[in-house]
Amino acid sequence: MEFEVTHPFHPWRGQRFVLSTRKQNWGEDRVMFYDADGRLRSLLASWTDVAAPDVFIEIAAGRSFVRPDDLATLAALIEQIERSHGG
């Protein structure tokens, strides 16, 4: 089975690879494949057409690539860093 890299900012966007396996790795759903040099690589499945389409991405229709919950997580992280540095 082949898959295509669909992430809009990934340098391999539009390229197709042969899927070696798909598994949970580092707590994430990832696809494993061999690149042109024969090295085993992995990508987030959500960055490919292997994963079911992300509902937020489809509804945003290219207008936004950041989910609200991701922004909330980022804001909390920034706040934590600021507190740890006396900000």
PDB file of N, CA and C in Angstrom:
ATOM      1  N   MET A   1       0.836  -1.179   0.000  1.00  0.00           N
ATOM      2  CA  MET A   1       0.000   0.000   0.000  1.00  0.00           C
ATOM      3  C   MET A   1       0.887   1.251   0.000  1.00  0.00           C
ATOM      4  N   GLU A   2       0.514   2.213  -0.803  1.00  0.00           N
ATOM      5  CA  GLU A   2       1.229   3.480  -0.851  1.00  0.00           C
ATOM      6  C   GLU A   2       0.451   4.545  -0.094  1.00  0.00           C
ATOM      7  N   PHE A   3       1.168   5.587   0.328  1.00  0.00           N
ATOM      8  CA  PHE A   3       0.525   6.737   0.944  1.00  0.00           C
ATOM      9  C   PHE A   3       1.199   7.996   0.432  1.00  0.00           C
ATOM     10  N   GLU A   4       0.506   9.115   0.596  1.00  0.00           N
ATOM     11  CA  GLU A   4       1.032  10.407   0.171  1.00  0.00           C
ATOM     12  C   GLU A   4       1.182  11.315   1.388  1.00  0.00           C
ATOM     13  N   VAL A   5       2.268  12.082   1.412  1.00  0.00           N
ATOM     14  CA  VAL A   5       2.460  13.076   2.463  1.00  0.00           C
ATOM     15  C   VAL A   5       1.575  14.267   2.103  1.00  0.00           C
ATOM     16  N   THR A   6       0.684  14.635   3.027  1.00  0.00           N
ATOM     17  CA  THR A   6      -0.295  15.691   2.754  1.00  0.00           C
ATOM     18  C   THR A   6      -0.108  16.938   3.609  1.00  0.00           C
ATOM     19  N   HIS A   7       0.795  16.899   4.589  1.00  0.00           N
ATOM     20  CA  HIS A   7       0.981  18.069   5.461  1.00  0.00           C
ATOM     21  C   HIS A   7       1.401  19.262   4.607  1.00  0.00           C
ATOM     22  N   PRO A   8       0.721  20.400   4.756  1.00  0.00           N
ATOM     23  CA  PRO A   8       0.967  21.527   3.847  1.00  0.00           C
ATOM     24  C   PRO A   8       2.365  22.133   3.914  1.00  0.00           C
ATOM     25  N   PHE A   9       3.089  21.941   5.027  1.00  0.00           N
ATOM     26  CA  PHE A   9       4.410  22.557   5.149  1.00  0.00           C
ATOM     27  C   PHE A   9       5.551  21.554   5.123  1.00  0.00           C
ATOM     28  N   HIS A  10       5.256  20.280   4.948  1.00  0.00           N
ATOM     29  CA  HIS A  10       6.315  19.269   4.967  1.00  0.00           C
ATOM     30  C   HIS A  10       7.056  19.262   3.628  1.00  0.00           C
ATOM     31  N   PRO A  11       8.377  19.155   3.658  1.00  0.00           N
ATOM     32  CA  PRO A  11       9.136  19.174   2.393  1.00  0.00           C
ATOM     33  C   PRO A  11       8.819  17.983   1.479  1.00  0.00           C
ATOM     34  N   TRP A  12       8.265  16.911   2.030  1.00  0.00           N
ATOM     35  CA  TRP A  12       7.904  15.755   1.207  1.00  0.00           C
ATOM     36  C   TRP A  12       6.447  15.814   0.739  1.00  0.00           C
ATOM     37  N   ARG A  13       5.769  16.926   0.956  1.00  0.00           N
ATOM     38  CA  ARG A  13       4.363  17.026   0.551  1.00  0.00           C
ATOM     39  C   ARG A  13       4.210  16.633  -0.916  1.00  0.00           C
ATOM     40  N   GLY A  14       3.210  15.800  -1.164  1.00  0.00           N
ATOM     41  CA  GLY A  14       2.928  15.352  -2.524  1.00  0.00           C
ATOM     42  C   GLY A  14       3.688  14.109  -2.927  1.00  0.00           C
ATOM     43  N   GLN A  15       4.716  13.734  -2.171  1.00  0.00           N
ATOM     44  CA  GLN A  15       5.476  12.534  -2.507  1.00  0.00           C
ATOM     45  C   GLN A  15       4.744  11.295  -1.994  1.00  0.00           C
ATOM     46  N   ARG A  16       4.922  10.213  -2.706  1.00  0.00           N
ATOM     47  CA  ARG A  16       4.294   8.943  -2.335  1.00  0.00           C
ATOM     48  C   ARG A  16       5.385   7.966  -1.895  1.00  0.00           C
ATOM     49  N   PHE A  17       5.039   7.164  -0.891  1.00  0.00           N
ATOM     50  CA  PHE A  17       5.953   6.162  -0.346  1.00  0.00           C
ATOM     51  C   PHE A  17       5.191   4.869  -0.124  1.00  0.00           C
ATOM     52  N   VAL A  18       5.923   3.769  -0.061  1.00  0.00           N
ATOM     53  CA  VAL A  18       5.321   2.477   0.224  1.00  0.00           C
ATOM     54  C   VAL A  18       5.271   2.312   1.738  1.00  0.00           C
ATOM     55  N   LEU A  19       4.080   2.065   2.256  1.00  0.00           N
ATOM     56  CA  LEU A  19       3.887   1.897   3.687  1.00  0.00           C
ATOM     57  C   LEU A  19       4.511   0.592   4.146  1.00  0.00           C
ATOM     58  N   SER A  20       5.415   0.671   5.106  1.00  0.00           N
ATOM     59  CA  SER A  20       6.021  -0.523   5.684  1.00  0.00           C
ATOM     60  C   SER A  20       5.151  -1.033   6.820  1.00  0.00           C
ATOM     61  N   THR A  21       4.793  -0.125   7.736  1.00  0.00           N
ATOM     62  CA  THR A  21       3.904  -0.470   8.839  1.00  0.00           C
ATOM     63  C   THR A  21       3.318   0.809   9.415  1.00  0.00           C
ATOM     64  N   ARG A  22       2.262   0.643  10.168  1.00  0.00           N
ATOM     65  CA  ARG A  22       1.647   1.758  10.890  1.00  0.00           C
ATOM     66  C   ARG A  22       1.494   1.315  12.331  1.00  0.00           C
ATOM     67  N   LYS A  23       1.986   2.138  13.264  1.00  0.00           N
ATOM     68  CA  LYS A  23       1.921   1.733  14.662  1.00  0.00           C
ATOM     69  C   LYS A  23       2.007   2.934  15.581  1.00  0.00           C
ATOM     70  N   GLN A  24       1.702   2.685  16.851  1.00  0.00           N
ATOM     71  CA  GLN A  24       1.872   3.695  17.884  1.00  0.00           C
ATOM     72  C   GLN A  24       3.346   3.710  18.258  1.00  0.00           C
ATOM     73  N   ASN A  25       3.980   4.851  18.099  1.00  0.00           N
ATOM     74  CA  ASN A  25       5.389   4.991  18.420  1.00  0.00           C
ATOM     75  C   ASN A  25       5.555   6.346  19.085  1.00  0.00           C
ATOM     76  N   TRP A  26       6.223   6.382  20.224  1.00  0.00           N
ATOM     77  CA  TRP A  26       6.384   7.614  20.993  1.00  0.00           C
ATOM     78  C   TRP A  26       5.019   8.198  21.358  1.00  0.00           C
ATOM     79  N   GLY A  27       4.021   7.336  21.540  1.00  0.00           N
ATOM     80  CA  GLY A  27       2.689   7.788  21.920  1.00  0.00           C
ATOM     81  C   GLY A  27       1.897   8.414  20.787  1.00  0.00           C
ATOM     82  N   GLU A  28       2.352   8.227  19.555  1.00  0.00           N
ATOM     83  CA  GLU A  28       1.698   8.842  18.403  1.00  0.00           C
ATOM     84  C   GLU A  28       1.427   7.787  17.327  1.00  0.00           C
ATOM     85  N   ASP A  29       0.373   8.000  16.564  1.00  0.00           N
ATOM     86  CA  ASP A  29       0.048   7.156  15.432  1.00  0.00           C
ATOM     87  C   ASP A  29       0.995   7.529  14.294  1.00  0.00           C
ATOM     88  N   ARG A  30       1.871   6.593  13.909  1.00  0.00           N
ATOM     89  CA  ARG A  30       2.900   6.908  12.917  1.00  0.00           C
ATOM     90  C   ARG A  30       2.900   5.881  11.785  1.00  0.00           C
ATOM     91  N   VAL A  31       3.329   6.319  10.604  1.00  0.00           N
ATOM     92  CA  VAL A  31       3.556   5.431   9.471  1.00  0.00           C
ATOM     93  C   VAL A  31       5.063   5.249   9.325  1.00  0.00           C
ATOM     94  N   MET A  32       5.475   4.048   9.021  1.00  0.00           N
ATOM     95  CA  MET A  32       6.891   3.729   8.829  1.00  0.00           C
ATOM     96  C   MET A  32       7.080   3.361   7.355  1.00  0.00           C
ATOM     97  N   PHE A  33       8.194   3.829   6.782  1.00  0.00           N
ATOM     98  CA  PHE A  33       8.463   3.585   5.366  1.00  0.00           C
ATOM     99  C   PHE A  33       9.956   3.743   5.118  1.00  0.00           C
ATOM    100  N   TYR A  34      10.404   3.267   3.972  1.00  0.00           N
ATOM    101  CA  TYR A  34      11.805   3.422   3.578  1.00  0.00           C
ATOM    102  C   TYR A  34      11.907   4.539   2.550  1.00  0.00           C
ATOM    103  N   ASP A  35      12.877   5.442   2.765  1.00  0.00           N
ATOM    104  CA  ASP A  35      13.066   6.540   1.816  1.00  0.00           C
ATOM    105  C   ASP A  35      13.868   6.053   0.611  1.00  0.00           C
ATOM    106  N   ALA A  36      14.195   6.951  -0.296  1.00  0.00           N
ATOM    107  CA  ALA A  36      14.904   6.602  -1.527  1.00  0.00           C
ATOM    108  C   ALA A  36      16.294   6.027  -1.256  1.00  0.00           C
ATOM    109  N   ASP A  37      16.876   6.362  -0.091  1.00  0.00           N
ATOM    110  CA  ASP A  37      18.197   5.847   0.277  1.00  0.00           C
ATOM    111  C   ASP A  37      18.123   4.553   1.076  1.00  0.00           C
ATOM    112  N   GLY A  38      16.913   4.023   1.255  1.00  0.00           N
ATOM    113  CA  GLY A  38      16.746   2.766   1.971  1.00  0.00           C
ATOM    114  C   GLY A  38      16.730   2.909   3.490  1.00  0.00           C
ATOM    115  N   ARG A  39      16.620   4.154   3.992  1.00  0.00           N
ATOM    116  CA  ARG A  39      16.567   4.376   5.445  1.00  0.00           C
ATOM    117  C   ARG A  39      15.126   4.306   5.922  1.00  0.00           C
ATOM    118  N   LEU A  40      14.928   3.636   7.056  1.00  0.00           N
ATOM    119  CA  LEU A  40      13.604   3.561   7.646  1.00  0.00           C
ATOM    120  C   LEU A  40      13.242   4.926   8.225  1.00  0.00           C
ATOM    121  N   ARG A  41      12.092   5.438   7.852  1.00  0.00           N
ATOM    122  CA  ARG A  41      11.621   6.745   8.298  1.00  0.00           C
ATOM    123  C   ARG A  41      10.240   6.586   8.905  1.00  0.00           C
ATOM    124  N   SER A  42       9.811   7.626   9.618  1.00  0.00           N
ATOM    125  CA  SER A  42       8.443   7.621  10.130  1.00  0.00           C
ATOM    126  C   SER A  42       7.901   9.044  10.106  1.00  0.00           C
ATOM    127  N   LEU A  43       6.594   9.126   9.959  1.00  0.00           N
ATOM    128  CA  LEU A  43       5.866  10.393   9.982  1.00  0.00           C
ATOM    129  C   LEU A  43       4.591  10.188  10.785  1.00  0.00           C
ATOM    130  N   LEU A  44       4.048  11.277  11.293  1.00  0.00           N
ATOM    131  CA  LEU A  44       2.734  11.196  11.903  1.00  0.00           C
ATOM    132  C   LEU A  44       1.726  10.756  10.836  1.00  0.00           C
ATOM    133  N   ALA A  45       0.883   9.810  11.177  1.00  0.00           N
ATOM    134  CA  ALA A  45      -0.116   9.334  10.221  1.00  0.00           C
ATOM    135  C   ALA A  45      -1.032  10.480   9.784  1.00  0.00           C
ATOM    136  N   SER A  46      -1.270  11.435  10.684  1.00  0.00           N
ATOM    137  CA  SER A  46      -2.149  12.558  10.343  1.00  0.00           C
ATOM    138  C   SER A  46      -1.535  13.489   9.302  1.00  0.00           C
ATOM    139  N   TRP A  47      -0.253  13.341   9.031  1.00  0.00           N
ATOM    140  CA  TRP A  47       0.407  14.143   7.999  1.00  0.00           C
ATOM    141  C   TRP A  47       0.335  13.460   6.637  1.00  0.00           C
ATOM    142  N   THR A  48      -0.400  12.355   6.555  1.00  0.00           N
ATOM    143  CA  THR A  48      -0.500  11.569   5.324  1.00  0.00           C
ATOM    144  C   THR A  48      -1.960  11.308   4.990  1.00  0.00           C
ATOM    145  N   ASP A  49      -2.186  10.684   3.845  1.00  0.00           N
ATOM    146  CA  ASP A  49      -3.548  10.303   3.489  1.00  0.00           C
ATOM    147  C   ASP A  49      -3.927   8.930   4.049  1.00  0.00           C
ATOM    148  N   VAL A  50      -3.059   8.343   4.900  1.00  0.00           N
ATOM    149  CA  VAL A  50      -3.365   7.064   5.552  1.00  0.00           C
ATOM    150  C   VAL A  50      -4.428   7.271   6.627  1.00  0.00           C
ATOM    151  N   ALA A  51      -4.297   8.371   7.361  1.00  0.00           N
ATOM    152  CA  ALA A  51      -5.220   8.659   8.459  1.00  0.00           C
ATOM    153  C   ALA A  51      -6.548   9.177   7.921  1.00  0.00           C
ATOM    154  N   ALA A  52      -7.600   8.956   8.693  1.00  0.00           N
ATOM    155  CA  ALA A  52      -8.888   9.538   8.337  1.00  0.00           C
ATOM    156  C   ALA A  52      -8.741  11.056   8.347  1.00  0.00           C
ATOM    157  N   PRO A  53      -9.421  11.740   7.466  1.00  0.00           N
ATOM    158  CA  PRO A  53      -9.287  13.196   7.416  1.00  0.00           C
ATOM    159  C   PRO A  53      -9.626  13.836   8.760  1.00  0.00           C
ATOM    160  N   ASP A  54      -8.825  14.804   9.168  1.00  0.00           N
ATOM    161  CA  ASP A  54      -9.067  15.545  10.395  1.00  0.00           C
ATOM    162  C   ASP A  54     -10.251  16.487  10.161  1.00  0.00           C
ATOM    163  N   VAL A  55     -11.289  16.349  10.972  1.00  0.00           N
ATOM    164  CA  VAL A  55     -12.514  17.130  10.787  1.00  0.00           C
ATOM    165  C   VAL A  55     -12.231  18.625  10.862  1.00  0.00           C
ATOM    166  N   PHE A  56     -11.401  19.053  11.828  1.00  0.00           N
ATOM    167  CA  PHE A  56     -11.091  20.477  11.949  1.00  0.00           C
ATOM    168  C   PHE A  56     -10.411  20.994  10.684  1.00  0.00           C
ATOM    169  N   ILE A  57      -9.424  20.249  10.183  1.00  0.00           N
ATOM    170  CA  ILE A  57      -8.697  20.666   8.980  1.00  0.00           C
ATOM    171  C   ILE A  57      -9.651  20.783   7.795  1.00  0.00           C
ATOM    172  N   GLU A  58     -10.564  19.827   7.660  1.00  0.00           N
ATOM    173  CA  GLU A  58     -11.516  19.877   6.542  1.00  0.00           C
ATOM    174  C   GLU A  58     -12.446  21.080   6.641  1.00  0.00           C
ATOM    175  N   ILE A  59     -12.963  21.335   7.852  1.00  0.00           N
ATOM    176  CA  ILE A  59     -13.882  22.459   8.019  1.00  0.00           C
ATOM    177  C   ILE A  59     -13.146  23.785   7.847  1.00  0.00           C
ATOM    178  N   ALA A  60     -11.897  23.860   8.346  1.00  0.00           N
ATOM    179  CA  ALA A  60     -11.119  25.096   8.212  1.00  0.00           C
ATOM    180  C   ALA A  60     -10.798  25.393   6.752  1.00  0.00           C
ATOM    181  N   ALA A  61     -10.760  24.352   5.930  1.00  0.00           N
ATOM    182  CA  ALA A  61     -10.559  24.498   4.482  1.00  0.00           C
ATOM    183  C   ALA A  61      -9.371  25.395   4.130  1.00  0.00           C
ATOM    184  N   GLY A  62      -8.240  25.189   4.825  1.00  0.00           N
ATOM    185  CA  GLY A  62      -7.042  25.942   4.513  1.00  0.00           C
ATOM    186  C   GLY A  62      -6.955  27.297   5.191  1.00  0.00           C
ATOM    187  N   ARG A  63      -8.002  27.689   5.913  1.00  0.00           N
ATOM    188  CA  ARG A  63      -7.988  28.998   6.577  1.00  0.00           C
ATOM    189  C   ARG A  63      -7.241  28.967   7.904  1.00  0.00           C
ATOM    190  N   SER A  64      -7.080  27.767   8.495  1.00  0.00           N
ATOM    191  CA  SER A  64      -6.384  27.644   9.774  1.00  0.00           C
ATOM    192  C   SER A  64      -5.785  26.250   9.880  1.00  0.00           C
ATOM    193  N   PHE A  65      -4.527  26.181  10.314  1.00  0.00           N
ATOM    194  CA  PHE A  65      -3.869  24.898  10.489  1.00  0.00           C
ATOM    195  C   PHE A  65      -3.640  24.587  11.965  1.00  0.00           C
ATOM    196  N   VAL A  66      -4.163  25.447  12.849  1.00  0.00           N
ATOM    197  CA  VAL A  66      -3.957  25.264  14.278  1.00  0.00           C
ATOM    198  C   VAL A  66      -5.309  25.086  14.951  1.00  0.00           C
ATOM    199  N   ARG A  67      -5.447  23.993  15.705  1.00  0.00           N
ATOM    200  CA  ARG A  67      -6.683  23.716  16.418  1.00  0.00           C
ATOM    201  C   ARG A  67      -6.741  24.556  17.695  1.00  0.00           C
ATOM    202  N   PRO A  68      -7.945  24.925  18.134  1.00  0.00           N
ATOM    203  CA  PRO A  68      -8.080  25.695  19.366  1.00  0.00           C
ATOM    204  C   PRO A  68      -7.447  25.010  20.578  1.00  0.00           C
ATOM    205  N   ASP A  69      -7.587  23.698  20.703  1.00  0.00           N
ATOM    206  CA  ASP A  69      -6.990  23.014  21.859  1.00  0.00           C
ATOM    207  C   ASP A  69      -5.460  23.062  21.793  1.00  0.00           C
ATOM    208  N   ASP A  70      -4.886  23.053  20.591  1.00  0.00           N
ATOM    209  CA  ASP A  70      -3.432  23.190  20.461  1.00  0.00           C
ATOM    210  C   ASP A  70      -2.986  24.588  20.887  1.00  0.00           C
ATOM    211  N   LEU A  71      -3.772  25.608  20.549  1.00  0.00           N
ATOM    212  CA  LEU A  71      -3.442  26.973  20.967  1.00  0.00           C
ATOM    213  C   LEU A  71      -3.530  27.116  22.486  1.00  0.00           C
ATOM    214  N   ALA A  72      -4.533  26.476  23.095  1.00  0.00           N
ATOM    215  CA  ALA A  72      -4.667  26.519  24.554  1.00  0.00           C
ATOM    216  C   ALA A  72      -3.473  25.843  25.217  1.00  0.00           C
ATOM    217  N   THR A  73      -3.021  24.722  24.668  1.00  0.00           N
ATOM    218  CA  THR A  73      -1.847  24.027  25.200  1.00  0.00           C
ATOM    219  C   THR A  73      -0.605  24.902  25.073  1.00  0.00           C
ATOM    220  N   LEU A  74      -0.451  25.544  23.930  1.00  0.00           N
ATOM    221  CA  LEU A  74       0.684  26.438  23.722  1.00  0.00           C
ATOM    222  C   LEU A  74       0.653  27.611  24.707  1.00  0.00           C
ATOM    223  N   ALA A  75      -0.517  28.207  24.902  1.00  0.00           N
ATOM    224  CA  ALA A  75      -0.645  29.324  25.838  1.00  0.00           C
ATOM    225  C   ALA A  75      -0.265  28.898  27.255  1.00  0.00           C
ATOM    226  N   ALA A  76      -0.703  27.696  27.664  1.00  0.00           N
ATOM    227  CA  ALA A  76      -0.363  27.186  28.997  1.00  0.00           C
ATOM    228  C   ALA A  76       1.139  26.964  29.121  1.00  0.00           C
ATOM    229  N   LEU A  77       1.760  26.454  28.073  1.00  0.00           N
ATOM    230  CA  LEU A  77       3.203  26.231  28.083  1.00  0.00           C
ATOM    231  C   LEU A  77       3.962  27.548  28.190  1.00  0.00           C
ATOM    232  N   ILE A  78       3.542  28.539  27.433  1.00  0.00           N
ATOM    233  CA  ILE A  78       4.183  29.857  27.494  1.00  0.00           C
ATOM    234  C   ILE A  78       4.043  30.448  28.892  1.00  0.00           C
ATOM    235  N   GLU A  79       2.853  30.320  29.467  1.00  0.00           N
ATOM    236  CA  GLU A  79       2.630  30.828  30.825  1.00  0.00           C
ATOM    237  C   GLU A  79       3.537  30.126  31.829  1.00  0.00           C
ATOM    238  N   GLN A  80       3.681  28.810  31.693  1.00  0.00           N
ATOM    239  CA  GLN A  80       4.553  28.041  32.586  1.00  0.00           C
ATOM    240  C   GLN A  80       6.019  28.502  32.448  1.00  0.00           C
ATOM    241  N   ILE A  81       6.473  28.719  31.238  1.00  0.00           N
ATOM    242  CA  ILE A  81       7.846  29.181  30.998  1.00  0.00           C
ATOM    243  C   ILE A  81       8.043  30.567  31.594  1.00  0.00           C
ATOM    244  N   GLU A  82       7.072  31.441  31.396  1.00  0.00           N
ATOM    245  CA  GLU A  82       7.179  32.797  31.944  1.00  0.00           C
ATOM    246  C   GLU A  82       7.257  32.758  33.481  1.00  0.00           C
ATOM    247  N   ARG A  83       6.428  31.917  34.117  1.00  0.00           N
ATOM    248  CA  ARG A  83       6.459  31.800  35.583  1.00  0.00           C
ATOM    249  C   ARG A  83       7.794  31.277  36.068  1.00  0.00           C
ATOM    250  N   SER A  84       8.355  30.307  35.343  1.00  0.00           N
ATOM    251  CA  SER A  84       9.629  29.714  35.774  1.00  0.00           C
ATOM    252  C   SER A  84      10.805  30.683  35.600  1.00  0.00           C
ATOM    253  N   HIS A  85      10.618  31.698  34.770  1.00  0.00           N
ATOM    254  CA  HIS A  85      11.678  32.698  34.553  1.00  0.00           C
ATOM    255  C   HIS A  85      11.348  34.027  35.229  1.00  0.00           C
ATOM    256  N   GLY A  86      10.383  33.994  36.135  1.00  0.00           N
ATOM    257  CA  GLY A  86      10.034  35.202  36.876  1.00  0.00           C
ATOM    258  C   GLY A  86       9.278  36.234  36.087  1.00  0.00           C
ATOM    259  N   GLY A  87       8.586  35.805  35.017  1.00  0.00           N
ATOM    260  CA  GLY A  87       7.889  36.741  34.141  1.00  0.00           C
ATOM    261  C   GLY A  87       6.523  37.092  34.518  1.00  0.00           C
TER     262      GLY A  87
END
